[in-house]
Amino acid sequence: MFTGIITDIGRIAEAHRRPGADTVFVVDSRYDLASLSMGASIAHQGVCLTLIGFEAIEGGSRWRVQVSEETCRLTTARDWEVGTLLNLERALKMGDELGGHLVSGHVDGLGTVVSVHEEHESHRVVIDVPTHLAKYVAPKGSICVDGVSLTVNEVDDTCFGINIIPHTWTVTTLGRLKPGVHVNLEADQVARYVERILSRAG
């Protein structure tokens, strides 16, 4: 479980893709090696992945994660390559501050950035979502975009708008968004449960 509060930006150092097999990525980060453990879960661009090996490097740590064909097909992992920057978040521990909202790290689908423009000191971003996810997006509700917990400002059919403050724009990969780019989306879990309850009640 995660909160959508990014604690580092990692960089893919190696990408090993083989036809008909899982992909292995090697990721560099500034995380202290002592804070990592074999089998630990770390969210990469909102995708929960398991560490299968790690080592110390100058200024931080390097680890390996194995990504299934399905995950590559359904998330932006299909486009990751050497040099790709990734929002990172370690799994939530009991007693940690819940600064964003509860995030599982299971991506529901890919959104497409429609527009990006400056609005005062912040940036307003409009994202188009798959039809099956649109029902979970509500004004002032939460949504996870590339691993970042954000508040939905407005909704228009299958599009929603978010306002990204300068801090978030700078310390996450969201500052690289532009029209046409795909982003990983995870709907608010509360919205999912409410929809499930209402559908069964009806």
Foldseek 3Di string as FASTA:
>chain_A
DFQQDFDWKKFWAAWADDPPFWIKTKIWIQAAPVVDDFQFWKQWQLATWGFHDKDDDVRHIITMTTGGPVRLVFFVVVVDGGGDITGIDGDDDPPDDNPAADGDNDFPGKKFWAAWDDDVQKIKTKIFDPQVCQQLADAQDWKRKRSHIFGWHHDDRRMTMTIGHPVRLPRGCVVVDGGGDMITIDGHPVSVVVVVVVVVVD
